[in-house]
Amino acid sequence: MRIDKFLKVSRLVKRRTVAKEMADQGRVKVNDRVVKSSYDVKLGDVIEIGFGNKQLKAKVRDLRETTKKAEASDLYELID
């Protein structure tokens, strides 16, 4: 699954177009490497997202094409 789609399905970012723009601007890292929106997410990947001056770090726990809002947080685990 592409990183932009994962960010949208997991609800870490509200819209896929916003997730795509963030990745293409270099604000998304996976395993300490800057990735483009076409990066293929794998289980166990550690994703870092830059929101202005705030950093969010999450580990991928599950991959699904769609999910309900209540189950979205099961796709990742936040890391300090």
Protein backbone atom coordinates (compact mmCIF):
# COMPACT_ATOMS: atom_id res chain seq x y z
CA MET A 1 0.00 0.00 0.00
CA ARG A 2 1.29 3.46 -0.88
CA ILE A 3 2.34 5.72 2.01
CA ASP A 4 -0.18 8.43 1.07
CA LYS A 5 -3.04 5.92 1.12
CA PHE A 6 -1.87 4.42 4.44
CA LEU A 7 -1.76 7.85 6.07
CA LYS A 8 -5.34 8.53 4.91
CA VAL A 9 -6.75 5.09 5.84
CA SER A 10 -5.08 5.20 9.28
CA ARG A 11 -6.40 8.75 9.69
CA LEU A 12 -2.99 10.15 10.60
CA VAL A 13 -3.69 12.68 7.81
CA LYS A 14 -7.25 13.67 6.88
CA ARG A 15 -6.97 13.64 3.07
CA ARG A 16 -4.91 11.57 0.66
CA THR A 17 -4.04 14.61 -1.45
CA VAL A 18 -2.63 16.33 1.65
CA ALA A 19 -0.65 13.17 2.53
CA LYS A 20 0.71 13.03 -1.04
CA GLU A 21 1.80 16.67 -0.93
CA MET A 22 3.47 16.19 2.47
CA ALA A 23 5.43 13.18 1.21
CA ASP A 24 6.46 14.91 -2.01
CA GLN A 25 7.67 17.93 0.02
CA GLY A 26 9.94 15.67 2.09
CA ARG A 27 7.98 15.89 5.35
CA VAL A 28 7.44 12.11 5.63
CA LYS A 29 10.21 9.72 6.66
CA VAL A 30 10.10 5.93 6.87
CA ASN A 31 12.85 4.20 8.85
CA ASP A 32 14.82 7.51 8.95
CA ARG A 33 14.71 7.99 5.15
CA VAL A 34 12.70 10.66 3.33
CA VAL A 35 10.21 8.93 1.02
CA LYS A 36 7.94 9.98 -1.84
CA SER A 37 4.18 9.35 -1.91
CA SER A 38 4.64 6.17 -3.96
CA TYR A 39 6.65 4.39 -1.22
CA ASP A 40 5.25 0.91 -0.46
CA VAL A 41 4.50 0.59 3.28
CA LYS A 42 5.40 -2.68 5.03
CA LEU A 43 4.54 -4.06 8.47
CA GLY A 44 7.00 -2.84 11.10
CA ASP A 45 7.93 0.38 9.25
CA VAL A 46 8.44 3.42 11.49
CA ILE A 47 6.82 6.51 9.96
CA GLU A 48 7.74 10.07 10.98
CA ILE A 49 5.50 12.93 9.86
CA GLY A 50 6.35 16.61 10.20
CA PHE A 51 3.39 18.91 10.93
CA GLY A 52 5.04 22.34 11.10
CA ASN A 53 6.97 22.26 14.40
CA LYS A 54 5.32 19.03 15.61
CA GLN A 55 6.68 15.55 14.82
CA LEU A 56 4.55 12.41 14.90
CA LYS A 57 6.18 8.98 15.01
CA ALA A 58 4.21 5.75 14.49
CA LYS A 59 5.00 2.08 13.85
CA VAL A 60 2.89 0.22 11.26
CA ARG A 61 1.01 -2.68 12.89
CA ASP A 62 -1.52 -3.63 10.19
CA LEU A 63 -2.34 -2.86 6.56
CA ARG A 64 -5.95 -2.61 5.33
CA GLU A 65 -7.49 -1.06 2.24
CA THR A 66 -10.37 0.47 4.23
CA THR A 67 -11.23 0.80 7.90
CA LYS A 68 -13.84 2.31 10.16
CA LYS A 69 -12.97 5.38 12.19
CA ALA A 70 -13.03 3.44 15.47
CA GLU A 71 -10.60 0.81 14.11
CA ALA A 72 -8.18 3.23 12.42
CA SER A 73 -5.86 3.46 15.45
CA ASP A 74 -5.34 -0.35 15.29
CA LEU A 75 -3.26 0.16 12.13
CA TYR A 76 -0.40 1.90 13.97
CA GLU A 77 1.27 2.33 17.35
CA LEU A 78 2.44 5.80 18.39
CA ILE A 79 6.07 6.07 19.52
CA ASP A 80 7.44 8.79 21.81
